All heavy atoms as atom14 arrays in JSON, in Angstrom:
{
  "sequence": "FLPGMVLTGLWMWKGHVLRRLISTRSAQQDAEVAGY",
  "atom14_mask": [
    [1, 1, 1, 1, 1, 1, 1, 1, 1, 1, 1, 0, 0, 0],
    [1, 1, 1, 1, 1, 1, 1, 1, 0, 0, 0, 0, 0, 0],
    [1, 1, 1, 1, 1, 1, 1, 0, 0, 0, 0, 0, 0, 0],
    [1, 1, 1, 1, 0, 0, 0, 0, 0, 0, 0, 0, 0, 0],
    [1, 1, 1, 1, 1, 1, 1, 1, 0, 0, 0, 0, 0, 0],
    [1, 1, 1, 1, 1, 1, 1, 0, 0, 0, 0, 0, 0, 0],
    [1, 1, 1, 1, 1, 1, 1, 1, 0, 0, 0, 0, 0, 0],
    [1, 1, 1, 1, 1, 1, 1, 0, 0, 0, 0, 0, 0, 0],
    [1, 1, 1, 1, 0, 0, 0, 0, 0, 0, 0, 0, 0, 0],
    [1, 1, 1, 1, 1, 1, 1, 1, 0, 0, 0, 0, 0, 0],
    [1, 1, 1, 1, 1, 1, 1, 1, 1, 1, 1, 1, 1, 1],
    [1, 1, 1, 1, 1, 1, 1, 1, 0, 0, 0, 0, 0, 0],
    [1, 1, 1, 1, 1, 1, 1, 1, 1, 1, 1, 1, 1, 1],
    [1, 1, 1, 1, 1, 1, 1, 1, 1, 0, 0, 0, 0, 0],
    [1, 1, 1, 1, 0, 0, 0, 0, 0, 0, 0, 0, 0, 0],
    [1, 1, 1, 1, 1, 1, 1, 1, 1, 1, 0, 0, 0, 0],
    [1, 1, 1, 1, 1, 1, 1, 0, 0, 0, 0, 0, 0, 0],
    [1, 1, 1, 1, 1, 1, 1, 1, 0, 0, 0, 0, 0, 0],
    [1, 1, 1, 1, 1, 1, 1, 1, 1, 1, 1, 0, 0, 0],
    [1, 1, 1, 1, 1, 1, 1, 1, 1, 1, 1, 0, 0, 0],
    [1, 1, 1, 1, 1, 1, 1, 1, 0, 0, 0, 0, 0, 0],
    [1, 1, 1, 1, 1, 1, 1, 1, 0, 0, 0, 0, 0, 0],
    [1, 1, 1, 1, 1, 1, 0, 0, 0, 0, 0, 0, 0, 0],
    [1, 1, 1, 1, 1, 1, 1, 0, 0, 0, 0, 0, 0, 0],
    [1, 1, 1, 1, 1, 1, 1, 1, 1, 1, 1, 0, 0, 0],
    [1, 1, 1, 1, 1, 1, 0, 0, 0, 0, 0, 0, 0, 0],
    [1, 1, 1, 1, 1, 0, 0, 0, 0, 0, 0, 0, 0, 0],
    [1, 1, 1, 1, 1, 1, 1, 1, 1, 0, 0, 0, 0, 0],
    [1, 1, 1, 1, 1, 1, 1, 1, 1, 0, 0, 0, 0, 0],
    [1, 1, 1, 1, 1, 1, 1, 1, 0, 0, 0, 0, 0, 0],
    [1, 1, 1, 1, 1, 0, 0, 0, 0, 0, 0, 0, 0, 0],
    [1, 1, 1, 1, 1, 1, 1, 1, 1, 0, 0, 0, 0, 0],
    [1, 1, 1, 1, 1, 1, 1, 0, 0, 0, 0, 0, 0, 0],
    [1, 1, 1, 1, 1, 0, 0, 0, 0, 0, 0, 0, 0, 0],
    [1, 1, 1, 1, 0, 0, 0, 0, 0, 0, 0, 0, 0, 0],
    [1, 1, 1, 1, 1, 1, 1, 1, 1, 1, 1, 1, 0, 0]
  ],
  "atom14_positions": [
    [[-4.55, 17.4, 44.71], [-3.93, 18.27, 43.71], [-3.38, 17.52, 42.5], [-3.63, 17.92, 41.36], [-2.82, 19.11, 44.36], [-3.33, 20.0, 45.46], [-2.86, 19.86, 46.75], [-4.29, 20.95, 45.21], [-3.33, 20.67, 47.76], [-4.78, 21.77, 46.22], [-4.29, 21.62, 47.5], [0.0, 0.0, 0.0], [0.0, 0.0, 0.0], [0.0, 0.0, 0.0]],
    [[-2.66, 16.43, 42.72], [-2.1, 15.7, 41.59], [-3.18, 15.06, 40.72], [-3.14, 15.24, 39.49], [-1.1, 14.65, 42.08], [-0.33, 13.92, 40.98], [0.52, 14.9, 40.2], [0.53, 12.83, 41.57], [0.0, 0.0, 0.0], [0.0, 0.0, 0.0], [0.0, 0.0, 0.0], [0.0, 0.0, 0.0], [0.0, 0.0, 0.0], [0.0, 0.0, 0.0]],
    [[-4.16, 14.34, 41.28], [-5.22, 13.81, 40.4], [-6.01, 14.9, 39.68], [-6.36, 14.74, 38.51], [-6.13, 13.03, 41.35], [-5.28, 12.7, 42.51], [-4.32, 13.84, 42.65], [0.0, 0.0, 0.0], [0.0, 0.0, 0.0], [0.0, 0.0, 0.0], [0.0, 0.0, 0.0], [0.0, 0.0, 0.0], [0.0, 0.0, 0.0], [0.0, 0.0, 0.0]],
    [[-6.27, 16.0, 40.36], [-6.98, 17.11, 39.71], [-6.19, 17.69, 38.56], [-6.74, 17.97, 37.49], [0.0, 0.0, 0.0], [0.0, 0.0, 0.0], [0.0, 0.0, 0.0], [0.0, 0.0, 0.0], [0.0, 0.0, 0.0], [0.0, 0.0, 0.0], [0.0, 0.0, 0.0], [0.0, 0.0, 0.0], [0.0, 0.0, 0.0], [0.0, 0.0, 0.0]],
    [[-4.89, 17.84, 38.76], [-4.04, 18.37, 37.69], [-3.97, 17.39, 36.52], [-4.03, 17.8, 35.36], [-2.64, 18.67, 38.23], [-1.81, 19.48, 37.26], [-0.2, 19.88, 37.89], [0.62, 18.32, 37.68], [0.0, 0.0, 0.0], [0.0, 0.0, 0.0], [0.0, 0.0, 0.0], [0.0, 0.0, 0.0], [0.0, 0.0, 0.0], [0.0, 0.0, 0.0]],
    [[-3.87, 16.11, 36.81], [-3.83, 15.11, 35.74], [-5.14, 15.1, 34.95], [-5.13, 15.06, 33.72], [-3.52, 13.71, 36.33], [-3.74, 12.63, 35.3], [-2.09, 13.67, 36.85], [0.0, 0.0, 0.0], [0.0, 0.0, 0.0], [0.0, 0.0, 0.0], [0.0, 0.0, 0.0], [0.0, 0.0, 0.0], [0.0, 0.0, 0.0], [0.0, 0.0, 0.0]],
    [[-6.26, 15.14, 35.65], [-7.56, 15.12, 34.96], [-7.78, 16.35, 34.1], [-8.27, 16.24, 32.97], [-8.7, 14.97, 35.97], [-8.82, 13.59, 36.61], [-9.89, 13.62, 37.69], [-9.13, 12.55, 35.57], [0.0, 0.0, 0.0], [0.0, 0.0, 0.0], [0.0, 0.0, 0.0], [0.0, 0.0, 0.0], [0.0, 0.0, 0.0], [0.0, 0.0, 0.0]],
    [[-7.42, 17.52, 34.6], [-7.59, 18.72, 33.78], [-6.64, 18.7, 32.59], [-6.99, 19.15, 31.5], [-7.4, 20.0, 34.59], [-6.12, 19.99, 35.22], [-8.49, 20.16, 35.63], [0.0, 0.0, 0.0], [0.0, 0.0, 0.0], [0.0, 0.0, 0.0], [0.0, 0.0, 0.0], [0.0, 0.0, 0.0], [0.0, 0.0, 0.0], [0.0, 0.0, 0.0]],
    [[-5.44, 18.19, 32.8], [-4.49, 18.08, 31.68], [-4.98, 17.13, 30.62], [-4.88, 17.41, 29.41], [0.0, 0.0, 0.0], [0.0, 0.0, 0.0], [0.0, 0.0, 0.0], [0.0, 0.0, 0.0], [0.0, 0.0, 0.0], [0.0, 0.0, 0.0], [0.0, 0.0, 0.0], [0.0, 0.0, 0.0], [0.0, 0.0, 0.0], [0.0, 0.0, 0.0]],
    [[-5.49, 15.97, 31.04], [-6.04, 15.02, 30.07], [-7.26, 15.59, 29.36], [-7.45, 15.37, 28.16], [-6.41, 13.71, 30.77], [-5.25, 12.81, 31.16], [-5.74, 11.65, 31.99], [-4.52, 12.32, 29.92], [0.0, 0.0, 0.0], [0.0, 0.0, 0.0], [0.0, 0.0, 0.0], [0.0, 0.0, 0.0], [0.0, 0.0, 0.0], [0.0, 0.0, 0.0]],
    [[-8.09, 16.33, 30.08], [-9.27, 16.93, 29.45], [-8.85, 17.95, 28.39], [-9.44, 18.0, 27.3], [-10.16, 17.58, 30.5], [-11.41, 18.13, 29.89], [-11.66, 19.42, 29.54], [-12.58, 17.39, 29.53], [-12.91, 19.53, 29.01], [-13.5, 18.3, 28.98], [-12.93, 16.06, 29.63], [-14.74, 17.91, 28.53], [-14.18, 15.68, 29.19], [-15.07, 16.6, 28.64]],
    [[-7.82, 18.75, 28.7], [-7.36, 19.72, 27.7], [-6.72, 19.03, 26.51], [-6.81, 19.5, 25.37], [-6.37, 20.71, 28.32], [-6.99, 21.7, 29.25], [-5.85, 22.98, 29.78], [-4.66, 22.07, 30.71], [0.0, 0.0, 0.0], [0.0, 0.0, 0.0], [0.0, 0.0, 0.0], [0.0, 0.0, 0.0], [0.0, 0.0, 0.0], [0.0, 0.0, 0.0]],
    [[-6.06, 17.89, 26.75], [-5.35, 17.19, 25.69], [-6.29, 16.35, 24.83], [-6.26, 16.42, 23.61], [-4.26, 16.32, 26.32], [-3.44, 15.53, 25.36], [-2.85, 15.98, 24.2], [-3.11, 14.16, 25.46], [-2.18, 14.96, 23.59], [-2.31, 13.82, 24.35], [-3.39, 13.18, 26.41], [-1.81, 12.56, 24.15], [-2.88, 11.91, 26.21], [-2.1, 11.61, 25.09]],
    [[-7.13, 15.53, 25.46], [-7.98, 14.6, 24.73], [-9.46, 14.78, 25.02], [-10.25, 13.85, 24.83], [-7.59, 13.15, 25.07], [-6.27, 12.73, 24.5], [-6.37, 12.6, 22.99], [-5.07, 12.08, 22.43], [-5.14, 11.92, 20.98], [0.0, 0.0, 0.0], [0.0, 0.0, 0.0], [0.0, 0.0, 0.0], [0.0, 0.0, 0.0], [0.0, 0.0, 0.0]],
    [[-9.86, 15.95, 25.45], [-11.26, 16.19, 25.76], [-12.16, 16.11, 24.54], [-13.3, 15.69, 24.63], [0.0, 0.0, 0.0], [0.0, 0.0, 0.0], [0.0, 0.0, 0.0], [0.0, 0.0, 0.0], [0.0, 0.0, 0.0], [0.0, 0.0, 0.0], [0.0, 0.0, 0.0], [0.0, 0.0, 0.0], [0.0, 0.0, 0.0], [0.0, 0.0, 0.0]],
    [[-11.62, 16.49, 23.39], [-12.42, 16.43, 22.17], [-12.81, 15.0, 21.82], [-13.9, 14.75, 21.33], [-11.66, 17.08, 21.01], [-10.41, 16.37, 20.63], [-9.25, 16.46, 21.36], [-10.13, 15.52, 19.6], [-8.31, 15.72, 20.8], [-8.82, 15.14, 19.73], [0.0, 0.0, 0.0], [0.0, 0.0, 0.0], [0.0, 0.0, 0.0], [0.0, 0.0, 0.0]],
    [[-11.94, 14.04, 22.12], [-12.26, 12.63, 21.85], [-13.37, 12.16, 22.8], [-14.32, 11.5, 22.39], [-11.0, 11.75, 22.01], [-11.35, 10.28, 21.87], [-9.93, 12.16, 21.02], [0.0, 0.0, 0.0], [0.0, 0.0, 0.0], [0.0, 0.0, 0.0], [0.0, 0.0, 0.0], [0.0, 0.0, 0.0], [0.0, 0.0, 0.0], [0.0, 0.0, 0.0]],
    [[-13.26, 12.54, 24.08], [-14.27, 12.15, 25.06], [-15.62, 12.77, 24.72], [-16.65, 12.1, 24.8], [-13.82, 12.55, 26.46], [-14.73, 12.14, 27.6], [-14.84, 10.61, 27.67], [-14.22, 12.68, 28.91], [0.0, 0.0, 0.0], [0.0, 0.0, 0.0], [0.0, 0.0, 0.0], [0.0, 0.0, 0.0], [0.0, 0.0, 0.0], [0.0, 0.0, 0.0]],
    [[-15.64, 14.02, 24.33], [-16.89, 14.67, 23.95], [-17.51, 13.98, 22.74], [-18.73, 13.8, 22.68], [-16.66, 16.15, 23.65], [-16.53, 17.0, 24.89], [-16.54, 18.48, 24.56], [-15.43, 18.88, 23.7], [-14.22, 19.22, 24.15], [-13.97, 19.23, 25.43], [-13.27, 19.58, 23.31], [0.0, 0.0, 0.0], [0.0, 0.0, 0.0], [0.0, 0.0, 0.0]],
    [[-16.69, 13.57, 21.78], [-17.21, 12.88, 20.61], [-17.79, 11.52, 21.0], [-18.84, 11.12, 20.5], [-16.1, 12.69, 19.58], [-16.61, 12.22, 18.26], [-15.59, 12.15, 17.15], [-14.38, 12.91, 17.42], [-13.15, 12.48, 17.1], [-12.98, 11.31, 16.53], [-12.1, 13.23, 17.36], [0.0, 0.0, 0.0], [0.0, 0.0, 0.0], [0.0, 0.0, 0.0]],
    [[-17.12, 10.8, 21.89], [-17.64, 9.51, 22.35], [-18.97, 9.67, 23.08], [-19.9, 8.89, 22.87], [-16.63, 8.82, 23.26], [-15.42, 8.19, 22.58], [-14.44, 7.7, 23.63], [-15.85, 7.06, 21.69], [0.0, 0.0, 0.0], [0.0, 0.0, 0.0], [0.0, 0.0, 0.0], [0.0, 0.0, 0.0], [0.0, 0.0, 0.0], [0.0, 0.0, 0.0]],
    [[-19.04, 10.69, 23.94], [-20.27, 10.92, 24.69], [-21.41, 11.3, 23.74], [-22.52, 10.8, 23.87], [-20.05, 12.01, 25.76], [-19.13, 11.48, 26.85], [-21.37, 12.46, 26.36], [-18.66, 12.53, 27.82], [0.0, 0.0, 0.0], [0.0, 0.0, 0.0], [0.0, 0.0, 0.0], [0.0, 0.0, 0.0], [0.0, 0.0, 0.0], [0.0, 0.0, 0.0]],
    [[-21.14, 12.17, 22.78], [-22.21, 12.58, 21.86], [-22.63, 11.43, 20.95], [-23.8, 11.29, 20.62], [-21.77, 13.78, 21.03], [-20.74, 13.42, 20.15], [0.0, 0.0, 0.0], [0.0, 0.0, 0.0], [0.0, 0.0, 0.0], [0.0, 0.0, 0.0], [0.0, 0.0, 0.0], [0.0, 0.0, 0.0], [0.0, 0.0, 0.0], [0.0, 0.0, 0.0]],
    [[-21.71, 10.57, 20.57], [-22.05, 9.41, 19.75], [-22.91, 8.43, 20.54], [-23.91, 7.93, 20.05], [-20.78, 8.69, 19.25], [-19.99, 9.62, 18.54], [-21.13, 7.52, 18.36], [0.0, 0.0, 0.0], [0.0, 0.0, 0.0], [0.0, 0.0, 0.0], [0.0, 0.0, 0.0], [0.0, 0.0, 0.0], [0.0, 0.0, 0.0], [0.0, 0.0, 0.0]],
    [[-22.53, 8.17, 21.77], [-23.31, 7.27, 22.6], [-24.7, 7.82, 22.87], [-25.68, 7.1, 22.83], [-22.6, 7.0, 23.93], [-21.46, 6.05, 23.79], [-20.93, 5.69, 25.13], [-19.79, 4.82, 25.0], [-18.9, 4.61, 25.93], [-19.01, 5.2, 27.09], [-17.89, 3.8, 25.72], [0.0, 0.0, 0.0], [0.0, 0.0, 0.0], [0.0, 0.0, 0.0]],
    [[-24.8, 9.11, 23.15], [-26.12, 9.67, 23.43], [-26.99, 9.65, 22.18], [-28.19, 9.43, 22.27], [-26.0, 11.09, 23.99], [-25.45, 11.95, 23.03], [0.0, 0.0, 0.0], [0.0, 0.0, 0.0], [0.0, 0.0, 0.0], [0.0, 0.0, 0.0], [0.0, 0.0, 0.0], [0.0, 0.0, 0.0], [0.0, 0.0, 0.0], [0.0, 0.0, 0.0]],
    [[-26.4, 9.83, 21.0], [-27.17, 9.75, 19.77], [-27.66, 8.33, 19.54], [-28.8, 8.11, 19.12], [-26.33, 10.23, 18.6], [0.0, 0.0, 0.0], [0.0, 0.0, 0.0], [0.0, 0.0, 0.0], [0.0, 0.0, 0.0], [0.0, 0.0, 0.0], [0.0, 0.0, 0.0], [0.0, 0.0, 0.0], [0.0, 0.0, 0.0], [0.0, 0.0, 0.0]],
    [[-26.79, 7.34, 19.83], [-27.2, 5.95, 19.69], [-28.3, 5.6, 20.69], [-29.26, 4.91, 20.34], [-26.01, 5.02, 19.89], [-25.01, 5.05, 18.76], [-23.77, 4.24, 19.08], [-23.59, 3.77, 20.2], [-22.92, 4.07, 18.08], [0.0, 0.0, 0.0], [0.0, 0.0, 0.0], [0.0, 0.0, 0.0], [0.0, 0.0, 0.0], [0.0, 0.0, 0.0]],
    [[-28.18, 6.07, 21.91], [-29.19, 5.8, 22.92], [-30.51, 6.45, 22.55], [-31.58, 5.86, 22.75], [-28.71, 6.26, 24.29], [-27.61, 5.41, 24.85], [-27.02, 5.99, 26.13], [-27.34, 7.11, 26.51], [-26.17, 5.23, 26.79], [0.0, 0.0, 0.0], [0.0, 0.0, 0.0], [0.0, 0.0, 0.0], [0.0, 0.0, 0.0], [0.0, 0.0, 0.0]],
    [[-30.45, 7.66, 22.02], [-31.69, 8.32, 21.59], [-32.36, 7.53, 20.47], [-33.59, 7.39, 20.45], [-31.39, 9.75, 21.11], [-30.99, 10.67, 22.25], [-31.23, 10.3, 23.42], [-30.43, 11.75, 21.97], [0.0, 0.0, 0.0], [0.0, 0.0, 0.0], [0.0, 0.0, 0.0], [0.0, 0.0, 0.0], [0.0, 0.0, 0.0], [0.0, 0.0, 0.0]],
    [[-31.57, 6.99, 19.55], [-32.13, 6.2, 18.45], [-32.74, 4.91, 18.99], [-33.81, 4.48, 18.53], [-31.05, 5.89, 17.43], [0.0, 0.0, 0.0], [0.0, 0.0, 0.0], [0.0, 0.0, 0.0], [0.0, 0.0, 0.0], [0.0, 0.0, 0.0], [0.0, 0.0, 0.0], [0.0, 0.0, 0.0], [0.0, 0.0, 0.0], [0.0, 0.0, 0.0]],
    [[-32.08, 4.29, 19.96], [-32.62, 3.06, 20.55], [-33.93, 3.34, 21.28], [-34.88, 2.57, 21.18], [-31.61, 2.44, 21.51], [-30.39, 1.85, 20.81], [-29.33, 1.4, 21.8], [-29.55, 1.52, 23.02], [-28.29, 0.93, 21.34], [0.0, 0.0, 0.0], [0.0, 0.0, 0.0], [0.0, 0.0, 0.0], [0.0, 0.0, 0.0], [0.0, 0.0, 0.0]],
    [[-33.99, 4.44, 22.01], [-35.21, 4.79, 22.74], [-36.33, 5.09, 21.75], [-37.47, 4.67, 21.94], [-34.94, 5.99, 23.69], [-36.24, 6.54, 24.23], [-34.02, 5.57, 24.8], [0.0, 0.0, 0.0], [0.0, 0.0, 0.0], [0.0, 0.0, 0.0], [0.0, 0.0, 0.0], [0.0, 0.0, 0.0], [0.0, 0.0, 0.0], [0.0, 0.0, 0.0]],
    [[-36.02, 5.79, 20.67], [-37.04, 6.1, 19.68], [-37.53, 4.82, 19.0], [-38.73, 4.67, 18.75], [-36.48, 7.07, 18.63], [0.0, 0.0, 0.0], [0.0, 0.0, 0.0], [0.0, 0.0, 0.0], [0.0, 0.0, 0.0], [0.0, 0.0, 0.0], [0.0, 0.0, 0.0], [0.0, 0.0, 0.0], [0.0, 0.0, 0.0], [0.0, 0.0, 0.0]],
    [[-36.62, 3.9, 18.71], [-37.02, 2.62, 18.12], [-37.87, 1.81, 19.05], [-38.84, 1.15, 18.64], [0.0, 0.0, 0.0], [0.0, 0.0, 0.0], [0.0, 0.0, 0.0], [0.0, 0.0, 0.0], [0.0, 0.0, 0.0], [0.0, 0.0, 0.0], [0.0, 0.0, 0.0], [0.0, 0.0, 0.0], [0.0, 0.0, 0.0], [0.0, 0.0, 0.0]],
    [[-37.56, 1.84, 20.33], [-38.35, 1.1, 21.33], [-39.74, 1.71, 21.45], [-40.73, 1.0, 21.58], [-37.63, 1.14, 22.68], [-38.4, 0.44, 23.77], [-38.46, -0.95, 23.82], [-39.09, 1.16, 24.76], [-39.18, -1.6, 24.8], [-39.79, 0.52, 25.75], [-39.84, -0.86, 25.77], [-40.52, -1.5, 26.75], [0.0, 0.0, 0.0], [0.0, 0.0, 0.0]]
  ]
}
């Protein structure tokens, strides 16, 4: 219960930053794969 509550709280608080990091990394990986 405590770890689940902490994770959902962090996701609501800073989830937008994590989503931006994930989308940036996936865009970079797609560019690397296309270059390869």
